[in-house]
Every structure is written in C-alpha cells, then in structure tokens.
C-alpha cells in the first residue's frame, strides 16, 4: 500500500533544473522548441539532447497541445527525464483554463506512471507569461496531484518547486487547505 498523498508531496523553493528527481516538468510552449522562463532554463540546462528529442516529437506529431504532455531525456540535467506540458494562457478563467491546467498535471503524472518514475518535480505551470493567477494555479496543482496520488503508486513523490517565497507560501497554503 502506498503512503497517503500528504506525505508523498513536498514543497521546496529553488531552481527546478537542479532538482534530484526522476523527472522535472517543463512548462513548455506548443512548439516544444524552448522559450522564456522555466522552458528556456530547462532547455539551456538540459542541453542539445533535450532540444533534439523535442524536435523529433514536433516532427512526428506537430508539437504538443495545451493540456497534453510528452517526455524526453533530461540531457545534462540531474533528472533523467523532462516531461513537457503546455499550460493554458489565462483569459479570465472562462475559456476552460482550469480544466486545461488540470489536464497538464494529470497527463504529466500519467507519463510518470507509464515510465514508473519514482519522483517528479513541478514548476508553477502557466503562472509566468501565460498569466494564470498563482493562487488559483496552486490550488489546481495540489488538488490534481492529491487525487492522482490517492489512486496510483507512481510517482511515489511529487515536489512542487516554487521560484520565490510567494509561490512557496501559496503551495503550502493549498496543501494545508
């Protein structure tokens, strides 16, 4: 029997590219070819192998749609894999953004389970240039991860990696809520 979700979830503040986990999640754009924020940092730290595999996925399936997820090598990252997911752009919450964001977490966790990855680290998906309100995004993230972990053995650990104090506090509050 797997431990309860509450002890399988951790919050830390720091750089997602330095996390010692099986996979980190990239808040990617639909092209999968890198960009700004977390996406750019992961591509820079992971090196050319990550980009090569993203190009191959793009050639095969045209990129990645919002709410979907794909997996590549971690390249030079401490994590063996990168799960790339495309979060929604915030349009006031009336264009299905919460459901699309929830799909990002579910599809990333599904890939982790398919590959029997023991640990996964998530950034704040869509909370940067995509404009998703951080508090609402943290609530969706925590809810989806708790639901997943209650029903699945993999991953065994999930880490929410907050870039700053505000995000760390919001994840902690969502977990306490």
N, C-alpha and C. Protein backbone atom coordinates (compact mmCIF):
# COMPACT_ATOMS: atom_id res chain seq x y z
N UNK A 1 0.85 -1.20 0.00
CA UNK A 1 0.00 0.00 0.00
C UNK A 1 0.88 1.25 0.00
N UNK A 2 0.58 2.18 -0.86
CA UNK A 2 1.35 3.42 -0.96
C UNK A 2 1.03 4.32 0.22
N UNK A 3 2.03 5.13 0.64
CA UNK A 3 1.76 6.09 1.71
C UNK A 3 0.69 7.08 1.28
N UNK A 4 0.00 7.71 2.23
CA UNK A 4 -1.04 8.69 1.88
C UNK A 4 -0.45 9.85 1.08
N UNK A 5 -1.28 10.49 0.23
CA UNK A 5 -0.78 11.59 -0.60
C UNK A 5 -0.08 12.69 0.19
N UNK A 6 -0.55 12.98 1.40
CA UNK A 6 0.01 14.10 2.16
C UNK A 6 1.50 13.94 2.43
N UNK A 7 1.98 12.70 2.60
CA UNK A 7 3.42 12.54 2.86
C UNK A 7 4.20 12.22 1.59
N UNK A 8 3.51 12.20 0.48
CA UNK A 8 4.17 11.97 -0.81
C UNK A 8 4.36 13.28 -1.57
N UNK A 9 3.92 14.40 -0.98
CA UNK A 9 4.02 15.72 -1.62
C UNK A 9 4.91 16.62 -0.78
N UNK A 10 5.82 17.31 -1.46
CA UNK A 10 6.72 18.24 -0.78
C UNK A 10 6.73 19.56 -1.53
N UNK A 11 7.04 20.62 -0.82
CA UNK A 11 7.20 21.95 -1.43
C UNK A 11 8.61 22.41 -1.11
N UNK A 12 9.27 22.92 -2.12
CA UNK A 12 10.60 23.48 -1.92
C UNK A 12 10.71 24.76 -2.72
N UNK A 13 11.65 25.59 -2.35
CA UNK A 13 11.90 26.81 -3.10
C UNK A 13 13.27 26.68 -3.73
N UNK A 14 13.35 26.96 -5.03
CA UNK A 14 14.64 26.86 -5.69
C UNK A 14 14.53 26.77 -7.20
N UNK A 15 15.56 26.20 -7.78
CA UNK A 15 15.72 26.10 -9.22
C UNK A 15 15.31 24.69 -9.66
N UNK A 16 14.29 24.60 -10.48
CA UNK A 16 13.79 23.28 -10.89
C UNK A 16 14.85 22.50 -11.67
N UNK A 17 15.77 23.18 -12.33
CA UNK A 17 16.78 22.47 -13.11
C UNK A 17 17.82 21.77 -12.24
N UNK A 18 17.79 22.02 -10.94
CA UNK A 18 18.76 21.40 -10.03
C UNK A 18 18.14 20.32 -9.14
N UNK A 19 16.90 19.98 -9.40
CA UNK A 19 16.19 19.02 -8.55
C UNK A 19 16.69 17.59 -8.82
N UNK A 20 16.92 16.87 -7.74
CA UNK A 20 17.37 15.48 -7.80
C UNK A 20 16.15 14.57 -7.78
N UNK A 21 15.48 14.47 -8.92
CA UNK A 21 14.26 13.68 -9.06
C UNK A 21 14.37 12.85 -10.34
N UNK A 22 13.43 11.94 -10.52
CA UNK A 22 13.41 11.13 -11.74
C UNK A 22 13.08 11.98 -12.97
N UNK A 23 12.15 12.92 -12.81
CA UNK A 23 11.76 13.80 -13.92
C UNK A 23 11.36 15.17 -13.39
N UNK A 24 11.69 16.18 -14.18
CA UNK A 24 11.15 17.50 -13.91
C UNK A 24 10.12 17.80 -15.00
N UNK A 25 9.15 18.62 -14.65
CA UNK A 25 8.13 19.00 -15.62
C UNK A 25 8.48 20.38 -16.16
N UNK A 26 8.39 20.49 -17.47
CA UNK A 26 8.66 21.74 -18.15
C UNK A 26 7.35 22.39 -18.54
N UNK A 27 7.19 23.65 -18.16
CA UNK A 27 6.05 24.45 -18.62
C UNK A 27 6.40 24.93 -20.02
N UNK A 28 6.15 24.07 -20.99
CA UNK A 28 6.60 24.27 -22.37
C UNK A 28 5.61 25.10 -23.17
N UNK A 29 6.03 25.50 -24.36
CA UNK A 29 5.09 26.05 -25.33
C UNK A 29 4.79 24.95 -26.35
N UNK A 30 3.79 25.16 -27.16
CA UNK A 30 3.33 24.09 -28.05
C UNK A 30 4.34 23.67 -29.10
N UNK A 31 5.33 24.51 -29.39
CA UNK A 31 6.35 24.14 -30.38
C UNK A 31 7.36 23.15 -29.80
N UNK A 32 7.49 23.13 -28.47
CA UNK A 32 8.48 22.32 -27.75
C UNK A 32 9.91 22.75 -28.02
N UNK A 33 10.12 23.89 -28.64
CA UNK A 33 11.47 24.28 -29.04
C UNK A 33 12.14 25.27 -28.10
N UNK A 34 11.63 25.38 -26.89
CA UNK A 34 12.23 26.30 -25.92
C UNK A 34 11.58 27.66 -25.99
N UNK A 35 11.84 28.45 -24.99
CA UNK A 35 11.24 29.78 -24.92
C UNK A 35 11.84 30.51 -23.75
N UNK A 36 11.00 31.28 -23.06
CA UNK A 36 11.46 32.02 -21.90
C UNK A 36 11.15 31.30 -20.62
N UNK A 37 11.42 31.93 -19.52
CA UNK A 37 11.06 31.41 -18.20
C UNK A 37 11.60 30.02 -17.93
N UNK A 38 10.77 29.19 -17.32
CA UNK A 38 11.13 27.81 -16.96
C UNK A 38 11.55 27.04 -18.21
N UNK A 39 10.80 27.19 -19.29
CA UNK A 39 11.07 26.47 -20.53
C UNK A 39 12.50 26.75 -21.02
N UNK A 40 12.86 28.01 -21.10
CA UNK A 40 14.21 28.37 -21.55
C UNK A 40 15.28 27.85 -20.61
N UNK A 41 15.04 27.96 -19.30
CA UNK A 41 16.01 27.49 -18.31
C UNK A 41 16.24 25.98 -18.44
N UNK A 42 15.16 25.23 -18.63
CA UNK A 42 15.29 23.77 -18.75
C UNK A 42 16.03 23.41 -20.03
N UNK A 43 15.70 24.07 -21.12
CA UNK A 43 16.41 23.79 -22.38
C UNK A 43 17.89 24.15 -22.28
N UNK A 44 18.21 25.27 -21.65
CA UNK A 44 19.62 25.65 -21.51
C UNK A 44 20.36 24.65 -20.64
N UNK A 45 19.78 24.28 -19.50
CA UNK A 45 20.45 23.36 -18.58
C UNK A 45 20.50 21.93 -19.12
N UNK A 46 19.48 21.52 -19.85
CA UNK A 46 19.43 20.16 -20.39
C UNK A 46 20.33 19.95 -21.59
N UNK A 47 20.57 21.03 -22.33
CA UNK A 47 21.46 20.95 -23.47
C UNK A 47 20.80 20.44 -24.74
N UNK A 48 21.64 20.17 -25.75
CA UNK A 48 21.12 19.86 -27.08
C UNK A 48 20.31 18.56 -27.18
N UNK A 49 20.55 17.61 -26.31
CA UNK A 49 19.79 16.35 -26.37
C UNK A 49 18.30 16.58 -26.16
N UNK A 50 17.97 17.46 -25.21
CA UNK A 50 16.56 17.75 -24.93
C UNK A 50 15.92 18.38 -26.16
N UNK A 51 16.59 19.35 -26.76
CA UNK A 51 16.06 20.01 -27.95
C UNK A 51 15.93 19.04 -29.11
N UNK A 52 16.91 18.16 -29.31
CA UNK A 52 16.84 17.17 -30.40
C UNK A 52 15.60 16.28 -30.25
N UNK A 53 15.34 15.80 -29.04
CA UNK A 53 14.18 14.94 -28.83
C UNK A 53 12.88 15.73 -28.99
N UNK A 54 12.87 16.99 -28.57
CA UNK A 54 11.69 17.83 -28.77
C UNK A 54 11.43 18.05 -30.26
N UNK A 55 12.50 18.27 -31.03
CA UNK A 55 12.34 18.44 -32.48
C UNK A 55 11.77 17.17 -33.11
N UNK A 56 12.22 16.01 -32.65
CA UNK A 56 11.71 14.74 -33.19
C UNK A 56 10.23 14.58 -32.88
N UNK A 57 9.82 14.93 -31.67
CA UNK A 57 8.40 14.85 -31.30
C UNK A 57 7.60 15.83 -32.15
N UNK A 58 8.14 17.01 -32.33
CA UNK A 58 7.43 18.01 -33.15
C UNK A 58 7.28 17.51 -34.59
N UNK A 59 8.31 16.89 -35.13
CA UNK A 59 8.24 16.38 -36.50
C UNK A 59 7.20 15.26 -36.60
N UNK A 60 7.12 14.43 -35.57
CA UNK A 60 6.18 13.29 -35.57
C UNK A 60 4.74 13.71 -35.35
N UNK A 61 4.53 14.62 -34.40
CA UNK A 61 3.14 14.93 -34.02
C UNK A 61 2.81 16.41 -34.03
N UNK A 62 3.69 17.23 -34.56
CA UNK A 62 3.37 18.65 -34.70
C UNK A 62 3.50 19.47 -33.43
N UNK A 63 4.18 18.96 -32.43
CA UNK A 63 4.34 19.68 -31.17
C UNK A 63 3.49 19.06 -30.08
N UNK A 64 3.00 19.90 -29.18
CA UNK A 64 2.23 19.42 -28.04
C UNK A 64 1.07 20.39 -27.82
N UNK A 65 -0.12 19.86 -27.69
CA UNK A 65 -1.30 20.70 -27.50
C UNK A 65 -1.46 21.10 -26.03
N UNK A 66 -2.17 22.17 -25.80
CA UNK A 66 -2.44 22.64 -24.44
C UNK A 66 -3.12 21.53 -23.63
N UNK A 67 -2.56 21.28 -22.45
CA UNK A 67 -3.09 20.25 -21.56
C UNK A 67 -2.47 18.89 -21.77
N UNK A 68 -1.76 18.69 -22.87
CA UNK A 68 -1.12 17.41 -23.15
C UNK A 68 0.30 17.41 -22.59
N UNK A 69 0.98 16.26 -22.67
CA UNK A 69 2.34 16.14 -22.16
C UNK A 69 3.11 15.10 -22.97
N UNK A 70 4.42 15.31 -23.07
CA UNK A 70 5.33 14.38 -23.73
C UNK A 70 6.59 14.26 -22.88
N UNK A 71 7.39 13.22 -23.12
CA UNK A 71 8.59 13.00 -22.31
C UNK A 71 9.83 12.95 -23.20
N UNK A 72 10.92 13.51 -22.68
CA UNK A 72 12.23 13.42 -23.33
C UNK A 72 13.27 13.07 -22.28
N UNK A 73 14.48 12.91 -22.75
CA UNK A 73 15.62 12.75 -21.85
C UNK A 73 15.79 14.03 -21.03
N UNK A 74 16.54 13.91 -19.96
CA UNK A 74 16.91 15.09 -19.19
C UNK A 74 18.21 15.71 -19.67
N UNK A 75 18.88 15.04 -20.61
CA UNK A 75 20.15 15.59 -21.10
C UNK A 75 21.14 15.77 -19.98
N UNK A 76 21.62 16.98 -19.80
CA UNK A 76 22.63 17.28 -18.76
C UNK A 76 22.02 17.60 -17.41
N UNK A 77 20.70 17.51 -17.29
CA UNK A 77 20.03 17.79 -16.01
C UNK A 77 20.28 16.67 -15.01
N UNK A 78 20.18 16.95 -13.72
CA UNK A 78 20.24 15.87 -12.72
C UNK A 78 19.08 14.88 -12.88
N UNK A 79 17.94 15.35 -13.35
CA UNK A 79 16.77 14.50 -13.60
C UNK A 79 17.01 13.73 -14.90
N UNK A 80 16.67 12.45 -14.91
CA UNK A 80 16.87 11.63 -16.11
C UNK A 80 15.92 12.00 -17.24
N UNK A 81 14.75 12.59 -16.88
CA UNK A 81 13.73 12.89 -17.87
C UNK A 81 13.16 14.29 -17.68
N UNK A 82 12.61 14.81 -18.77
CA UNK A 82 11.82 16.03 -18.73
C UNK A 82 10.45 15.68 -19.30
N UNK A 83 9.41 15.99 -18.54
CA UNK A 83 8.04 15.86 -19.04
C UNK A 83 7.61 17.26 -19.43
N UNK A 84 7.34 17.45 -20.72
CA UNK A 84 6.96 18.76 -21.24
C UNK A 84 5.44 18.82 -21.31
N UNK A 85 4.86 19.85 -20.73
CA UNK A 85 3.41 20.04 -20.80
C UNK A 85 3.13 21.50 -21.15
N UNK A 86 2.06 21.70 -21.89
CA UNK A 86 1.71 23.05 -22.34
C UNK A 86 0.50 23.53 -21.55
N UNK A 87 0.74 24.52 -20.71
CA UNK A 87 -0.33 25.09 -19.91
C UNK A 87 -1.16 26.08 -20.69
N UNK A 88 -2.34 26.40 -20.17
CA UNK A 88 -3.21 27.36 -20.84
C UNK A 88 -2.79 28.81 -20.58
N UNK A 89 -3.07 29.65 -21.56
CA UNK A 89 -2.93 31.09 -21.37
C UNK A 89 -4.20 31.55 -20.63
N UNK A 90 -4.01 32.35 -19.59
CA UNK A 90 -5.15 32.83 -18.79
C UNK A 90 -5.95 33.85 -19.58
N UNK A 91 -7.24 33.60 -19.73
CA UNK A 91 -8.16 34.52 -20.40
C UNK A 91 -9.34 34.83 -19.49
N UNK A 92 -9.07 35.02 -18.21
CA UNK A 92 -10.13 35.34 -17.26
C UNK A 92 -10.80 34.14 -16.64
N UNK A 93 -10.40 32.93 -17.03
CA UNK A 93 -10.95 31.72 -16.44
C UNK A 93 -12.23 31.22 -17.07
N UNK A 94 -12.64 31.84 -18.17
CA UNK A 94 -13.92 31.49 -18.79
C UNK A 94 -13.75 30.71 -20.10
N UNK A 95 -12.53 30.30 -20.40
CA UNK A 95 -12.28 29.56 -21.64
C UNK A 95 -11.68 28.19 -21.34
N UNK A 96 -12.11 27.61 -20.23
CA UNK A 96 -11.68 26.26 -19.89
C UNK A 96 -10.29 26.16 -19.28
N UNK A 97 -9.74 27.28 -18.84
CA UNK A 97 -8.38 27.26 -18.31
C UNK A 97 -8.19 26.30 -17.13
N UNK A 98 -9.10 26.27 -16.14
CA UNK A 98 -8.89 25.33 -15.03
C UNK A 98 -8.83 23.87 -15.48
N UNK A 99 -9.70 23.47 -16.40
CA UNK A 99 -9.70 22.09 -16.89
C UNK A 99 -8.43 21.80 -17.69
N UNK A 100 -7.98 22.75 -18.48
CA UNK A 100 -6.76 22.56 -19.25
C UNK A 100 -5.55 22.45 -18.33
N UNK A 101 -5.50 23.28 -17.29
CA UNK A 101 -4.39 23.21 -16.35
C UNK A 101 -4.43 21.87 -15.60
N UNK A 102 -5.59 21.44 -15.19
CA UNK A 102 -5.72 20.14 -14.52
C UNK A 102 -5.21 19.03 -15.43
N UNK A 103 -5.52 19.12 -16.73
CA UNK A 103 -5.02 18.12 -17.68
C UNK A 103 -3.51 18.09 -17.74
N UNK A 104 -2.86 19.24 -17.61
CA UNK A 104 -1.39 19.29 -17.60
C UNK A 104 -0.85 18.39 -16.49
N UNK A 105 -1.43 18.51 -15.30
CA UNK A 105 -0.95 17.71 -14.17
C UNK A 105 -1.29 16.24 -14.36
N UNK A 106 -2.52 15.94 -14.75
CA UNK A 106 -2.93 14.54 -14.94
C UNK A 106 -2.10 13.86 -16.02
N UNK A 107 -1.91 14.53 -17.15
CA UNK A 107 -1.16 13.92 -18.24
C UNK A 107 0.33 13.77 -17.91
N UNK A 108 0.88 14.72 -17.18
CA UNK A 108 2.27 14.59 -16.73
C UNK A 108 2.42 13.42 -15.76
N UNK A 109 1.48 13.29 -14.85
CA UNK A 109 1.52 12.18 -13.88
C UNK A 109 1.26 10.84 -14.56
N UNK A 110 0.43 10.83 -15.58
CA UNK A 110 0.18 9.59 -16.34
C UNK A 110 1.48 9.12 -17.00
N UNK A 111 2.22 10.06 -17.59
CA UNK A 111 3.50 9.70 -18.20
C UNK A 111 4.47 9.19 -17.15
N UNK A 112 4.50 9.84 -15.99
CA UNK A 112 5.38 9.38 -14.90
C UNK A 112 5.01 7.95 -14.49
N UNK A 113 3.73 7.66 -14.42
CA UNK A 113 3.30 6.31 -14.06
C UNK A 113 3.68 5.31 -15.15
N UNK A 114 3.45 5.67 -16.41
CA UNK A 114 3.79 4.76 -17.52
C UNK A 114 5.27 4.40 -17.52
N UNK A 115 6.12 5.33 -17.10
CA UNK A 115 7.56 5.09 -17.06
C UNK A 115 8.04 4.67 -15.67
N UNK A 116 7.11 4.47 -14.76
CA UNK A 116 7.40 4.10 -13.37
C UNK A 116 8.47 4.99 -12.74
N UNK A 117 8.28 6.29 -12.93
CA UNK A 117 9.20 7.27 -12.35
C UNK A 117 8.86 7.46 -10.89
N UNK A 118 9.88 7.39 -10.05
CA UNK A 118 9.66 7.47 -8.61
C UNK A 118 9.34 8.87 -8.11
N UNK A 119 9.94 9.88 -8.75
CA UNK A 119 9.75 11.25 -8.25
C UNK A 119 9.66 12.23 -9.40
N UNK A 120 8.80 13.22 -9.22
CA UNK A 120 8.55 14.24 -10.24
C UNK A 120 8.51 15.61 -9.56
N UNK A 121 9.14 16.60 -10.20
CA UNK A 121 9.10 17.97 -9.70
C UNK A 121 8.35 18.85 -10.69
N UNK A 122 7.40 19.61 -10.17
CA UNK A 122 6.58 20.52 -10.98
C UNK A 122 6.93 21.97 -10.69
N UNK A 123 7.00 22.81 -11.73
CA UNK A 123 7.04 24.26 -11.52
C UNK A 123 5.60 24.77 -11.45
N UNK A 124 5.43 26.06 -11.32
CA UNK A 124 4.10 26.66 -11.40
C UNK A 124 3.70 26.79 -12.86
N UNK A 125 2.99 25.82 -13.38
CA UNK A 125 2.61 25.80 -14.80
C UNK A 125 1.65 26.95 -15.09
N UNK A 126 1.94 27.69 -16.15
CA UNK A 126 1.13 28.80 -16.67
C UNK A 126 1.15 30.06 -15.82
N UNK A 127 1.93 30.11 -14.75
CA UNK A 127 1.88 31.28 -13.85
C UNK A 127 2.86 32.38 -14.24
N UNK A 128 3.66 32.16 -15.26
CA UNK A 128 4.58 33.19 -15.73
C UNK A 128 3.93 34.05 -16.79
N UNK A 129 4.50 34.01 -17.99
CA UNK A 129 4.00 34.87 -19.07
C UNK A 129 2.59 34.48 -19.53
N UNK A 130 2.14 33.26 -19.18
CA UNK A 130 0.78 32.85 -19.55
C UNK A 130 -0.27 33.45 -18.62
N UNK A 131 0.16 34.07 -17.52
CA UNK A 131 -0.71 34.91 -16.71
C UNK A 131 -1.72 34.23 -15.80
N UNK A 132 -1.61 32.92 -15.59
CA UNK A 132 -2.58 32.24 -14.72
C UNK A 132 -2.36 32.74 -13.29
N UNK A 133 -3.40 33.15 -12.59
CA UNK A 133 -3.23 33.63 -11.21
C UNK A 133 -2.58 32.55 -10.33
N UNK A 134 -1.55 32.93 -9.62
CA UNK A 134 -0.74 31.96 -8.88
C UNK A 134 -1.51 31.18 -7.82
N UNK A 135 -2.37 31.85 -7.10
CA UNK A 135 -3.12 31.16 -6.04
C UNK A 135 -4.05 30.11 -6.64
N UNK A 136 -4.76 30.47 -7.68
CA UNK A 136 -5.67 29.54 -8.34
C UNK A 136 -4.90 28.37 -8.97
N UNK A 137 -3.76 28.68 -9.57
CA UNK A 137 -2.94 27.64 -10.19
C UNK A 137 -2.42 26.66 -9.14
N UNK A 138 -1.99 27.17 -7.99
CA UNK A 138 -1.51 26.29 -6.92
C UNK A 138 -2.64 25.39 -6.42
N UNK A 139 -3.85 25.92 -6.33
CA UNK A 139 -4.98 25.12 -5.87
C UNK A 139 -5.28 23.98 -6.85
N UNK A 140 -5.26 24.28 -8.15
CA UNK A 140 -5.49 23.23 -9.16
C UNK A 140 -4.38 22.19 -9.08
N UNK A 141 -3.13 22.64 -8.99
CA UNK A 141 -1.99 21.73 -8.95
C UNK A 141 -2.09 20.77 -7.76
N UNK A 142 -2.31 21.32 -6.59
CA UNK A 142 -2.38 20.50 -5.38
C UNK A 142 -3.55 19.52 -5.45
N UNK A 143 -4.70 20.00 -5.88
CA UNK A 143 -5.87 19.12 -5.98
C UNK A 143 -5.60 17.95 -6.93
N UNK A 144 -5.09 18.24 -8.11
CA UNK A 144 -4.87 17.18 -9.11
C UNK A 144 -3.82 16.18 -8.63
N UNK A 145 -2.75 16.67 -8.03
CA UNK A 145 -1.70 15.77 -7.54
C UNK A 145 -2.23 14.91 -6.39
N UNK A 146 -2.96 15.50 -5.47
CA UNK A 146 -3.52 14.71 -4.37
C UNK A 146 -4.46 13.63 -4.89
N UNK A 147 -5.32 13.98 -5.84
CA UNK A 147 -6.24 13.00 -6.42
C UNK A 147 -5.48 11.86 -7.09
N UNK A 148 -4.45 12.21 -7.84
CA UNK A 148 -3.67 11.20 -8.54
C UNK A 148 -2.98 10.26 -7.55
N UNK A 149 -2.31 10.84 -6.59
CA UNK A 149 -1.53 10.03 -5.64
C UNK A 149 -2.43 9.12 -4.80
N UNK A 150 -3.65 9.54 -4.56
CA UNK A 150 -4.58 8.72 -3.79
C UNK A 150 -4.96 7.44 -4.55
N UNK A 151 -4.81 7.46 -5.86
CA UNK A 151 -5.26 6.33 -6.68
C UNK A 151 -4.15 5.59 -7.42
N UNK A 152 -2.91 6.08 -7.34
CA UNK A 152 -1.81 5.49 -8.12
C UNK A 152 -0.54 5.33 -7.27
N UNK A 153 0.26 4.34 -7.63
CA UNK A 153 1.52 4.10 -6.92
C UNK A 153 2.67 4.95 -7.44
N UNK A 154 2.59 5.36 -8.71
CA UNK A 154 3.67 6.16 -9.30
C UNK A 154 3.11 7.49 -9.75
N UNK A 155 3.87 8.56 -9.57
CA UNK A 155 5.15 8.60 -8.88
C UNK A 155 4.97 8.45 -7.38
N UNK A 156 6.05 8.08 -6.71
CA UNK A 156 5.98 7.91 -5.27
C UNK A 156 6.12 9.24 -4.53
N UNK A 157 6.80 10.19 -5.15
CA UNK A 157 6.99 11.52 -4.55
C UNK A 157 6.74 12.59 -5.60
N UNK A 158 6.09 13.67 -5.19
CA UNK A 158 5.91 14.84 -6.05
C UNK A 158 6.42 16.05 -5.29
N UNK A 159 7.20 16.86 -5.98
CA UNK A 159 7.75 18.07 -5.40
C UNK A 159 7.22 19.26 -6.19
N UNK A 160 6.65 20.23 -5.48
CA UNK A 160 6.30 21.50 -6.10
C UNK A 160 7.49 22.42 -5.86
N UNK A 161 8.10 22.89 -6.94
CA UNK A 161 9.27 23.75 -6.84
C UNK A 161 8.84 25.19 -7.07
N UNK A 162 8.88 25.96 -6.01
CA UNK A 162 8.48 27.37 -6.07
C UNK A 162 9.71 28.21 -6.40
N UNK A 163 9.52 29.14 -7.29
CA UNK A 163 10.61 30.02 -7.68
C UNK A 163 10.90 31.08 -6.62
N UNK A 164 9.88 31.46 -5.85
CA UNK A 164 10.05 32.53 -4.88
C UNK A 164 9.21 32.26 -3.62
N UNK A 165 9.36 33.12 -2.62
CA UNK A 165 8.64 32.98 -1.35
C UNK A 165 7.13 32.95 -1.55
N UNK A 166 6.61 33.84 -2.41
CA UNK A 166 5.17 33.93 -2.61
C UNK A 166 4.61 32.59 -3.12
N UNK A 167 5.24 32.03 -4.12
CA UNK A 167 4.75 30.75 -4.66
C UNK A 167 4.88 29.62 -3.65
N UNK A 168 5.98 29.60 -2.91
CA UNK A 168 6.15 28.57 -1.89
C UNK A 168 5.01 28.64 -0.87
N UNK A 169 4.72 29.84 -0.41
CA UNK A 169 3.64 30.04 0.55
C UNK A 169 2.30 29.61 -0.02
N UNK A 170 2.02 29.93 -1.28
CA UNK A 170 0.75 29.55 -1.90
C UNK A 170 0.59 28.03 -1.99
N UNK A 171 1.66 27.33 -2.33
CA UNK A 171 1.59 25.86 -2.36
C UNK A 171 1.38 25.30 -0.96
N UNK A 172 2.08 25.86 0.01
CA UNK A 172 1.91 25.39 1.38
C UNK A 172 0.49 25.61 1.87
N UNK A 173 -0.08 26.78 1.56
CA UNK A 173 -1.46 27.07 1.96
C UNK A 173 -2.44 26.12 1.27
N UNK A 174 -2.22 25.84 -0.01
CA UNK A 174 -3.10 24.93 -0.75
C UNK A 174 -3.03 23.52 -0.15
N UNK A 175 -1.84 23.12 0.27
CA UNK A 175 -1.70 21.79 0.89
C UNK A 175 -2.35 21.74 2.26
N UNK A 176 -2.32 22.85 2.99
CA UNK A 176 -2.92 22.89 4.33
C UNK A 176 -4.44 23.03 4.26
N UNK A 177 -4.93 23.57 3.11
CA UNK A 177 -6.33 23.88 2.95
C UNK A 177 -7.20 22.68 2.88
